[in-house]
Amino acid sequence: MLIDPKVALAGLFVGFVVGLTGMGGGALMTPILVLLFKVQPLAAVSSDIVASMIMKPVGGGVHWRRGTVNTELVRWLVVGSVPSAFLGVLLLKSSGQGEALQHHVKVALGIALLIVAVGLIIRPLLSRGRQAGDSLAPLAVKKWQTVLIGIVGGLVVGLTSVGSGSLMIILLLMLYPKLRLSELVGTDLVQAIPLVASAALGHAFFGDFRLALTASILIGSVPGVFIGAQLSSRAPDKLIRPALILVLLGSSLKLLGSSNLVLALVIAVFAAAYLAVRVSEQRAAARLALKLR
């Protein structure tokens, strides 16, 4: 088994970003493997999701010990996500052979990254208005809506390796606006463990899992996550979030085969949307400061 030092270095960077921001690593690692290292899309998805299966319990264990996990919410998410993640792998495998299959993976990955970029833009708006005691009252779990989120998130993870830490947390924010952010992150991390394990099992049997590629990712990402987590409290969100949005947008459009002109136009539109959200955030903060005086 040969370790690729360049992939390990990329894993270090991705792990650092994940530890710094809490963002799912698949949204960055998979397009890096495809676009920079020219790894076949199916191999990139399969190997990255197996690496994620090893990484997820680390963050989930921390939140479990801190008591920031809603176990009932986890239970209903898992009901939907575990079977749909395995189904996603089967759908991927049945969508074609050879070049056709690789093309379908690239398109699915590009669309998923575009959705995550949109989520990063609107996430501050969904988080607005939270109070310190929002989750002190018992949470009324909306069972079937939660199962539906699990189904959607699991299917996307099985197809692309993206979604367990990015897409699903946006959907949970929309369904449970009063859920405390730490509990939201902890719940999402814990439910992602069986979800990613199901998808990883499917990719190990039906995908294109490569042990050397997975090991190279892990060698870099494990210390990267640790370093990023140590610095996370000092991370300037106003700098990190727009950089992530630009990277995800560029990656998604390249995977979808867009021209440089289309790429520039879309980035300009998203930049304007992001600035509008930032202005809205600042105005809301100013109004809150006036109320507190």
Protein backbone atom coordinates (compact mmCIF):
# COMPACT_ATOMS: atom_id res chain seq x y z
CA MET A 1 0.00 0.00 0.00
CA LEU A 2 1.58 3.28 -1.15
CA ILE A 3 0.72 6.48 0.70
CA ASP A 4 0.40 9.56 -1.50
CA PRO A 5 2.01 12.49 0.39
CA LYS A 6 0.18 15.07 -1.78
CA VAL A 7 -3.21 13.56 -0.92
CA ALA A 8 -2.15 13.43 2.75
CA LEU A 9 -1.30 17.15 2.58
CA ALA A 10 -4.69 17.88 1.02
CA GLY A 11 -6.26 15.82 3.82
CA LEU A 12 -4.41 17.95 6.37
CA PHE A 13 -5.88 21.11 4.82
CA VAL A 14 -9.41 19.69 4.63
CA GLY A 15 -9.20 18.34 8.17
CA PHE A 16 -8.06 21.74 9.39
CA VAL A 17 -11.02 23.46 7.71
CA VAL A 18 -13.44 20.87 9.14
CA GLY A 19 -12.07 21.36 12.65
CA LEU A 20 -12.15 25.13 12.23
CA THR A 21 -15.67 25.47 10.84
CA GLY A 22 -17.54 22.23 11.58
CA MET A 23 -18.25 21.83 7.88
CA GLY A 24 -18.47 18.33 6.40
CA GLY A 25 -15.16 17.23 4.87
CA GLY A 26 -16.71 15.50 1.85
CA ALA A 27 -17.74 18.86 0.41
CA LEU A 28 -14.05 19.75 0.07
CA MET A 29 -12.08 16.49 -0.10
CA THR A 30 -14.04 14.79 -2.88
CA PRO A 31 -13.81 17.67 -5.40
CA ILE A 32 -10.12 18.13 -4.55
CA LEU A 33 -9.49 14.47 -5.39
CA VAL A 34 -11.43 14.74 -8.65
CA LEU A 35 -10.28 18.15 -9.88
CA LEU A 36 -6.69 18.39 -8.59
CA PHE A 37 -5.55 14.77 -8.36
CA LYS A 38 -7.61 13.48 -11.32
CA VAL A 39 -9.00 10.59 -9.28
CA GLN A 40 -11.99 8.89 -10.92
CA PRO A 41 -15.17 10.38 -9.36
CA LEU A 42 -16.51 7.06 -8.07
CA ALA A 43 -13.15 6.17 -6.45
CA ALA A 44 -13.01 9.64 -4.86
CA VAL A 45 -16.51 9.32 -3.40
CA SER A 46 -15.98 5.73 -2.19
CA SER A 47 -12.58 6.32 -0.57
CA ASP A 48 -13.54 9.64 1.02
CA ILE A 49 -16.71 8.29 2.57
CA VAL A 50 -14.85 5.34 4.11
CA ALA A 51 -12.37 7.84 5.59
CA SER A 52 -15.32 9.84 6.96
CA MET A 53 -16.66 6.72 8.66
CA ILE A 54 -13.46 6.59 10.72
CA MET A 55 -13.46 10.34 11.45
CA LYS A 56 -17.10 10.86 12.48
CA PRO A 57 -17.02 9.05 15.86
CA VAL A 58 -14.26 11.40 17.09
CA GLY A 59 -16.40 14.56 16.97
CA GLY A 60 -19.57 12.68 17.89
CA GLY A 61 -17.94 11.25 21.02
CA VAL A 62 -16.94 14.71 22.24
CA HIS A 63 -20.51 16.01 21.96
CA TRP A 64 -21.95 12.85 23.54
CA ARG A 65 -19.77 13.34 26.63
CA ARG A 66 -20.81 17.01 26.82
CA GLY A 67 -24.50 16.13 26.69
CA THR A 68 -25.16 18.16 23.52
CA VAL A 69 -26.94 15.36 21.64
CA ASN A 70 -30.70 14.99 21.29
CA THR A 71 -31.02 11.20 21.22
CA GLU A 72 -34.67 11.15 20.11
CA LEU A 73 -33.83 13.39 17.16
CA VAL A 74 -30.89 11.11 16.29
CA ARG A 75 -33.18 8.07 16.40
CA TRP A 76 -35.67 9.45 13.85
CA LEU A 77 -32.96 10.81 11.58
CA VAL A 78 -31.27 7.40 11.50
CA VAL A 79 -34.58 5.70 10.61
CA GLY A 80 -34.55 7.62 7.33
CA SER A 81 -30.84 8.08 6.63
CA VAL A 82 -29.34 4.60 7.09
CA PRO A 83 -31.45 2.73 4.49
CA SER A 84 -31.48 5.67 2.07
CA ALA A 85 -27.67 6.01 2.21
CA PHE A 86 -27.27 2.37 1.18
CA LEU A 87 -29.97 2.88 -1.47
CA GLY A 88 -28.03 5.88 -2.79
CA VAL A 89 -25.00 3.68 -3.44
CA LEU A 90 -27.17 1.09 -5.25
CA LEU A 91 -28.76 3.82 -7.40
CA LEU A 92 -25.30 5.11 -8.22
CA LYS A 93 -24.11 1.66 -9.24
CA SER A 94 -27.20 1.04 -11.39
CA SER A 95 -26.91 4.38 -13.22
CA GLY A 96 -24.37 3.13 -15.74
CA GLN A 97 -20.96 1.62 -16.37
CA GLY A 98 -17.54 3.06 -17.09
CA GLU A 99 -17.54 6.64 -18.38
CA ALA A 100 -21.31 6.99 -18.04
CA LEU A 101 -21.14 6.12 -14.34
CA GLN A 102 -18.24 8.52 -13.71
CA HIS A 103 -20.19 11.29 -15.48
CA HIS A 104 -23.26 10.70 -13.31
CA VAL A 105 -21.12 10.88 -10.18
CA LYS A 106 -19.56 14.17 -11.29
CA VAL A 107 -22.95 15.73 -12.02
CA ALA A 108 -24.44 14.57 -8.70
CA LEU A 109 -21.39 15.88 -6.84
CA GLY A 110 -21.55 19.23 -8.62
CA ILE A 111 -25.23 19.70 -7.76
CA ALA A 112 -24.64 18.71 -4.12
CA LEU A 113 -21.80 21.23 -3.76
CA LEU A 114 -23.99 23.96 -5.25
CA ILE A 115 -26.71 23.22 -2.68
CA VAL A 116 -24.15 23.31 0.16
CA ALA A 117 -22.85 26.70 -1.07
CA VAL A 118 -26.41 28.08 -0.98
CA GLY A 119 -26.79 26.64 2.52
CA LEU A 120 -23.67 28.41 3.74
CA ILE A 121 -25.08 31.71 2.49
CA ILE A 122 -28.49 31.35 4.16
CA ARG A 123 -27.33 29.63 7.36
CA PRO A 124 -26.80 32.92 9.28
CA LEU A 125 -30.36 33.97 8.46
CA LEU A 126 -31.69 30.67 9.80
CA SER A 127 -29.64 31.05 13.00
CA ARG A 128 -30.81 34.60 13.67
CA GLY A 129 -32.82 35.35 16.77
CA ARG A 130 -31.59 32.47 18.90
CA GLN A 131 -31.49 33.00 22.63
CA ALA A 132 -29.22 31.33 25.19
CA GLY A 133 -32.10 29.37 26.74
CA ASP A 134 -33.79 28.28 23.52
CA SER A 135 -33.24 24.56 24.13
CA LEU A 136 -34.01 24.51 27.87
CA ALA A 137 -37.60 23.51 27.14
CA PRO A 138 -38.18 19.92 25.91
CA LEU A 139 -37.93 19.70 22.13
CA ALA A 140 -41.07 18.52 20.35
CA VAL A 141 -39.62 16.18 17.72
CA LYS A 142 -41.49 16.28 14.41
CA LYS A 143 -41.08 12.60 13.60
CA TRP A 144 -42.03 12.26 9.94
CA GLN A 145 -40.44 15.55 8.87
CA THR A 146 -37.26 14.45 10.66
CA VAL A 147 -37.35 11.05 8.94
CA LEU A 148 -37.73 12.87 5.60
CA ILE A 149 -34.62 14.94 6.33
CA GLY A 150 -32.80 11.69 7.09
CA ILE A 151 -33.95 10.16 3.80
CA VAL A 152 -32.86 13.18 1.74
CA GLY A 153 -29.52 13.54 3.54
CA GLY A 154 -28.76 9.82 3.40
CA LEU A 155 -29.52 9.60 -0.31
CA VAL A 156 -27.23 12.56 -1.11
CA VAL A 157 -24.44 11.13 1.06
CA GLY A 158 -24.70 7.73 -0.62
CA LEU A 159 -24.52 9.32 -4.07
CA THR A 160 -21.85 11.96 -3.49
CA SER A 161 -20.27 11.65 0.04
CA VAL A 162 -21.50 15.23 0.64
CA GLY A 163 -24.31 16.20 2.99
CA SER A 164 -23.94 14.56 6.41
CA GLY A 165 -22.35 17.67 7.94
CA SER A 166 -23.42 20.39 5.51
CA LEU A 167 -26.80 19.81 3.89
CA MET A 168 -28.47 18.08 6.84
CA ILE A 169 -27.56 20.73 9.37
CA ILE A 170 -29.22 23.37 7.15
CA LEU A 171 -32.39 21.27 6.93
CA LEU A 172 -32.40 20.75 10.71
CA LEU A 173 -32.01 24.51 11.23
CA MET A 174 -35.10 25.08 9.10
CA LEU A 175 -37.19 22.47 10.94
CA TYR A 176 -35.96 23.28 14.48
CA PRO A 177 -35.10 27.00 14.57
CA LYS A 178 -35.02 27.06 18.40
CA LEU A 179 -32.57 24.16 18.79
CA ARG A 180 -29.34 25.34 20.42
CA LEU A 181 -26.44 25.43 17.94
CA SER A 182 -24.15 23.22 20.04
CA GLU A 183 -26.93 20.64 20.34
CA LEU A 184 -27.65 20.94 16.63
CA VAL A 185 -24.02 20.20 15.74
CA GLY A 186 -23.74 17.39 18.30
CA THR A 187 -26.95 15.73 17.12
CA ASP A 188 -25.88 15.99 13.48
CA LEU A 189 -22.44 14.48 14.22
CA VAL A 190 -23.85 11.51 16.14
CA GLN A 191 -26.57 10.70 13.60
CA ALA A 192 -23.90 10.90 10.88
CA ILE A 193 -22.00 7.93 12.38
CA PRO A 194 -24.50 5.19 11.35
CA LEU A 195 -25.41 7.17 8.21
CA VAL A 196 -21.83 7.32 6.93
CA ALA A 197 -21.20 3.73 8.05
CA SER A 198 -24.14 2.57 5.91
CA ALA A 199 -22.92 4.53 2.89
CA ALA A 200 -19.33 3.33 3.45
CA LEU A 201 -20.48 -0.29 3.59
CA GLY A 202 -22.32 0.17 0.31
CA HIS A 203 -19.28 1.76 -1.35
CA ALA A 204 -16.96 -0.96 0.01
CA PHE A 205 -19.13 -3.59 -1.72
CA PHE A 206 -20.42 -1.77 -4.80
CA GLY A 207 -18.24 1.32 -5.26
CA ASP A 208 -14.56 1.78 -6.04
CA PHE A 209 -12.99 1.86 -2.57
CA ARG A 210 -9.17 2.20 -2.60
CA LEU A 211 -7.36 1.49 0.66
CA ALA A 212 -4.21 3.48 -0.17
CA LEU A 213 -6.26 6.56 -1.08
CA THR A 214 -8.33 6.34 2.12
CA ALA A 215 -5.20 5.88 4.25
CA SER A 216 -3.56 8.91 2.62
CA ILE A 217 -6.63 11.05 3.41
CA LEU A 218 -6.70 9.91 7.04
CA ILE A 219 -2.98 10.47 7.67
CA GLY A 220 -3.47 14.16 6.90
CA SER A 221 -7.02 14.77 8.07
CA VAL A 222 -6.74 13.37 11.61
CA PRO A 223 -4.10 15.88 12.81
CA GLY A 224 -5.75 18.57 10.67
CA VAL A 225 -9.07 18.21 12.48
CA PHE A 226 -7.33 18.37 15.85
CA ILE A 227 -5.37 21.54 14.96
CA GLY A 228 -8.42 23.23 13.44
CA ALA A 229 -10.58 22.42 16.47
CA GLN A 230 -8.01 24.03 18.77
CA LEU A 231 -8.19 27.27 16.76
CA SER A 232 -11.92 27.23 16.07
CA SER A 233 -12.80 29.74 18.77
CA ARG A 234 -10.57 32.32 17.08
CA ALA A 235 -11.81 31.70 13.54
CA PRO A 236 -13.15 34.87 11.85
CA ASP A 237 -16.37 33.64 10.24
CA LYS A 238 -16.59 36.72 8.01
CA LEU A 239 -13.39 35.57 6.27
CA ILE A 240 -13.80 31.77 6.35
CA ARG A 241 -17.39 31.48 5.13
CA PRO A 242 -17.04 33.51 1.90
CA ALA A 243 -13.81 31.68 1.05
CA LEU A 244 -15.56 28.32 1.47
CA ILE A 245 -18.50 29.51 -0.64
CA LEU A 246 -16.18 30.54 -3.49
CA VAL A 247 -14.28 27.23 -3.37
CA LEU A 248 -17.50 25.21 -3.39
CA LEU A 249 -19.01 27.28 -6.20
CA GLY A 250 -15.91 26.99 -8.36
CA SER A 251 -15.67 23.25 -7.73
CA SER A 252 -19.36 22.59 -8.40
CA LEU A 253 -19.44 24.53 -11.67
CA LYS A 254 -16.24 22.90 -12.94
CA LEU A 255 -17.68 19.46 -12.15
CA LEU A 256 -20.82 20.44 -14.07
CA GLY A 257 -18.70 21.49 -17.06
CA SER A 258 -19.44 25.24 -16.96
CA SER A 259 -17.37 27.70 -18.98
CA ASN A 260 -15.20 30.33 -17.30
CA LEU A 261 -17.73 33.05 -18.27
CA VAL A 262 -20.61 31.21 -16.59
CA LEU A 263 -18.36 30.57 -13.59
CA ALA A 264 -17.57 34.30 -13.27
CA LEU A 265 -21.23 35.33 -13.63
CA VAL A 266 -22.48 32.84 -11.03
CA ILE A 267 -19.77 33.79 -8.54
CA ALA A 268 -20.68 37.47 -9.03
CA VAL A 269 -24.36 36.72 -8.30
CA PHE A 270 -23.50 34.69 -5.20
CA ALA A 271 -21.09 37.38 -4.01
CA ALA A 272 -23.89 39.94 -4.25
CA ALA A 273 -26.23 37.58 -2.35
CA TYR A 274 -23.63 37.03 0.35
CA LEU A 275 -23.07 40.78 0.77
CA ALA A 276 -26.84 41.29 1.05
CA VAL A 277 -26.99 38.66 3.81
CA ARG A 278 -24.08 40.30 5.64
CA VAL A 279 -25.79 43.71 5.50
CA SER A 280 -28.98 42.13 6.83
CA GLU A 281 -27.01 40.51 9.69
CA GLN A 282 -25.38 43.82 10.61
CA ARG A 283 -28.70 45.66 10.63
CA ALA A 284 -30.27 42.99 12.83
CA ALA A 285 -27.31 43.21 15.23
CA ALA A 286 -27.64 47.01 15.34
CA ARG A 287 -31.37 46.78 16.13
CA LEU A 288 -30.68 44.27 18.90
CA ALA A 289 -28.00 46.54 20.38
CA LEU A 290 -30.48 49.44 20.44
CA LYS A 291 -33.08 47.30 22.24
CA LEU A 292 -30.57 46.30 24.90
CA ARG A 293 -29.66 49.89 25.74
